[in-house]
Amino acid sequence: MRLPDRRTIILMPRLVPYPVLARKVRYWMERRWRGWWDRWRVELPSPGPLPAVSPIQIAH
């Protein structure tokens, strides 16, 4: 069974003891949020690549 495209399940184990069925927010379609996330903010550096981790490091 699949959820409709506009629905999602939210898990908040410390706040709510059960999953919550919620409506997805499509911020790019909401007029009040338009332009907020169109570009990366200049004052913050863009995130770099994550360092590679070997399987031996993960096992320990």
N, C-alpha and C. Protein backbone atom coordinates (compact mmCIF):
# COMPACT_ATOMS: atom_id res chain seq x y z
N MET A 1 0.84 -1.17 0.00
CA MET A 1 0.00 0.00 0.00
C MET A 1 0.90 1.25 0.00
N ARG A 2 0.59 2.19 -0.87
CA ARG A 2 1.37 3.42 -0.98
C ARG A 2 0.50 4.61 -0.57
N LEU A 3 1.17 5.63 -0.05
CA LEU A 3 0.47 6.86 0.30
C LEU A 3 0.28 7.71 -0.94
N PRO A 4 -0.77 8.53 -0.96
CA PRO A 4 -0.91 9.48 -2.05
C PRO A 4 0.28 10.45 -2.09
N ASP A 5 0.51 11.05 -3.23
CA ASP A 5 1.64 11.95 -3.44
C ASP A 5 1.64 13.13 -2.47
N ARG A 6 0.49 13.57 -2.03
CA ARG A 6 0.38 14.75 -1.16
C ARG A 6 0.43 14.42 0.33
N ARG A 7 0.64 13.16 0.70
CA ARG A 7 0.66 12.74 2.11
C ARG A 7 2.02 12.19 2.51
N THR A 8 2.33 12.26 3.81
CA THR A 8 3.56 11.71 4.34
C THR A 8 3.32 11.28 5.78
N ILE A 9 4.17 10.42 6.29
CA ILE A 9 4.09 10.00 7.68
C ILE A 9 5.21 10.68 8.45
N ILE A 10 4.87 11.33 9.55
CA ILE A 10 5.82 12.04 10.38
C ILE A 10 6.01 11.25 11.68
N LEU A 11 7.28 11.00 12.04
CA LEU A 11 7.59 10.31 13.29
C LEU A 11 8.26 11.29 14.24
N MET A 12 7.70 11.45 15.42
CA MET A 12 8.27 12.31 16.46
C MET A 12 8.27 11.51 17.76
N PRO A 13 9.20 10.56 17.91
CA PRO A 13 9.13 9.63 19.04
C PRO A 13 9.17 10.27 20.42
N ARG A 14 9.80 11.40 20.57
CA ARG A 14 9.88 12.04 21.90
C ARG A 14 8.64 12.88 22.21
N LEU A 15 7.93 13.31 21.18
CA LEU A 15 6.77 14.19 21.40
C LEU A 15 5.44 13.45 21.28
N VAL A 16 5.32 12.59 20.28
CA VAL A 16 4.06 11.90 20.01
C VAL A 16 4.37 10.40 19.93
N PRO A 17 3.65 9.57 20.67
CA PRO A 17 3.97 8.14 20.71
C PRO A 17 3.52 7.34 19.49
N TYR A 18 2.90 7.98 18.52
CA TYR A 18 2.40 7.27 17.34
C TYR A 18 2.71 8.08 16.08
N PRO A 19 2.77 7.45 14.90
CA PRO A 19 3.02 8.19 13.66
C PRO A 19 1.85 9.11 13.31
N VAL A 20 2.16 10.20 12.65
CA VAL A 20 1.16 11.19 12.27
C VAL A 20 1.08 11.24 10.75
N LEU A 21 -0.12 11.11 10.22
CA LEU A 21 -0.35 11.26 8.78
C LEU A 21 -0.53 12.74 8.49
N ALA A 22 0.33 13.31 7.64
CA ALA A 22 0.32 14.75 7.39
C ALA A 22 0.26 15.05 5.90
N ARG A 23 -0.12 16.28 5.59
CA ARG A 23 -0.12 16.77 4.22
C ARG A 23 1.25 17.37 3.93
N LYS A 24 1.84 17.05 2.78
CA LYS A 24 3.13 17.60 2.41
C LYS A 24 2.98 19.09 2.07
N VAL A 25 3.96 19.86 2.49
CA VAL A 25 3.97 21.28 2.16
C VAL A 25 4.86 21.46 0.94
N ARG A 26 4.29 21.95 -0.11
CA ARG A 26 5.07 22.24 -1.32
C ARG A 26 5.37 23.74 -1.32
N TYR A 27 6.47 24.05 -0.62
CA TYR A 27 6.80 25.46 -0.39
C TYR A 27 7.00 26.24 -1.67
N TRP A 28 7.48 25.60 -2.73
CA TRP A 28 7.72 26.32 -3.98
C TRP A 28 6.42 26.74 -4.66
N MET A 29 5.29 26.14 -4.25
CA MET A 29 4.01 26.51 -4.83
C MET A 29 3.25 27.51 -3.96
N GLU A 30 3.70 27.70 -2.71
CA GLU A 30 3.05 28.65 -1.81
C GLU A 30 3.56 30.06 -2.09
N ARG A 31 2.68 30.97 -2.34
CA ARG A 31 3.07 32.33 -2.69
C ARG A 31 3.86 33.02 -1.59
N ARG A 32 3.47 32.81 -0.32
CA ARG A 32 4.14 33.50 0.78
C ARG A 32 5.58 33.04 0.98
N TRP A 33 5.95 31.85 0.49
CA TRP A 33 7.31 31.33 0.65
C TRP A 33 8.12 31.47 -0.64
N ARG A 34 7.55 31.98 -1.68
CA ARG A 34 8.25 32.08 -2.96
C ARG A 34 9.49 32.96 -2.83
N GLY A 35 10.62 32.45 -3.31
CA GLY A 35 11.86 33.20 -3.28
C GLY A 35 12.73 32.95 -2.06
N TRP A 36 12.21 32.30 -1.02
CA TRP A 36 12.99 32.08 0.20
C TRP A 36 14.14 31.11 -0.02
N TRP A 37 13.94 30.06 -0.80
CA TRP A 37 14.96 29.03 -0.98
C TRP A 37 15.38 28.88 -2.43
N ASP A 38 15.27 29.93 -3.21
CA ASP A 38 15.65 29.86 -4.61
C ASP A 38 17.17 29.82 -4.79
N ARG A 39 17.92 30.49 -3.92
CA ARG A 39 19.38 30.52 -4.00
C ARG A 39 19.96 30.27 -2.62
N TRP A 40 21.22 29.85 -2.62
CA TRP A 40 21.92 29.67 -1.36
C TRP A 40 22.28 31.03 -0.80
N ARG A 41 22.11 31.18 0.51
CA ARG A 41 22.44 32.45 1.15
C ARG A 41 23.95 32.69 1.10
N VAL A 42 24.35 33.90 0.77
CA VAL A 42 25.76 34.23 0.59
C VAL A 42 26.51 34.17 1.91
N GLU A 43 25.89 34.57 3.02
CA GLU A 43 26.61 34.62 4.29
C GLU A 43 26.98 33.24 4.84
N LEU A 44 26.34 32.18 4.34
CA LEU A 44 26.68 30.83 4.78
C LEU A 44 27.44 30.10 3.69
N PRO A 45 28.53 29.42 4.05
CA PRO A 45 29.26 28.66 3.03
C PRO A 45 28.45 27.45 2.59
N SER A 46 28.59 27.08 1.35
CA SER A 46 27.90 25.89 0.87
C SER A 46 28.55 24.66 1.48
N PRO A 47 27.75 23.64 1.79
CA PRO A 47 28.33 22.45 2.42
C PRO A 47 29.26 21.72 1.46
N GLY A 48 30.37 21.24 1.98
CA GLY A 48 31.34 20.50 1.17
C GLY A 48 30.98 19.03 1.12
N PRO A 49 31.75 18.25 0.39
CA PRO A 49 31.48 16.81 0.31
C PRO A 49 31.77 16.13 1.65
N LEU A 50 31.04 15.07 1.94
CA LEU A 50 31.25 14.32 3.17
C LEU A 50 32.49 13.44 3.03
N PRO A 51 33.24 13.27 4.10
CA PRO A 51 34.43 12.41 4.02
C PRO A 51 34.02 10.95 3.87
N ALA A 52 34.82 10.19 3.14
CA ALA A 52 34.55 8.77 2.95
C ALA A 52 34.86 8.01 4.23
N VAL A 53 34.02 7.05 4.55
CA VAL A 53 34.20 6.23 5.74
C VAL A 53 34.35 4.78 5.31
N SER A 54 35.38 4.12 5.79
CA SER A 54 35.58 2.72 5.41
C SER A 54 34.64 1.82 6.23
N PRO A 55 34.32 0.64 5.72
CA PRO A 55 33.45 -0.29 6.45
C PRO A 55 34.04 -0.71 7.80
N ILE A 56 35.35 -0.68 7.92
CA ILE A 56 35.98 -1.06 9.20
C ILE A 56 35.66 -0.01 10.26
N GLN A 57 35.66 1.27 9.90
CA GLN A 57 35.33 2.33 10.85
C GLN A 57 33.87 2.26 11.28
N ILE A 58 32.99 1.86 10.39
CA ILE A 58 31.56 1.78 10.70
C ILE A 58 31.32 0.64 11.69
N ALA A 59 32.02 -0.48 11.54
CA ALA A 59 31.81 -1.65 12.38
C ALA A 59 32.21 -1.41 13.83
N HIS A 60 33.13 -0.49 14.08
CA HIS A 60 33.61 -0.28 15.47
C HIS A 60 32.78 0.70 16.19
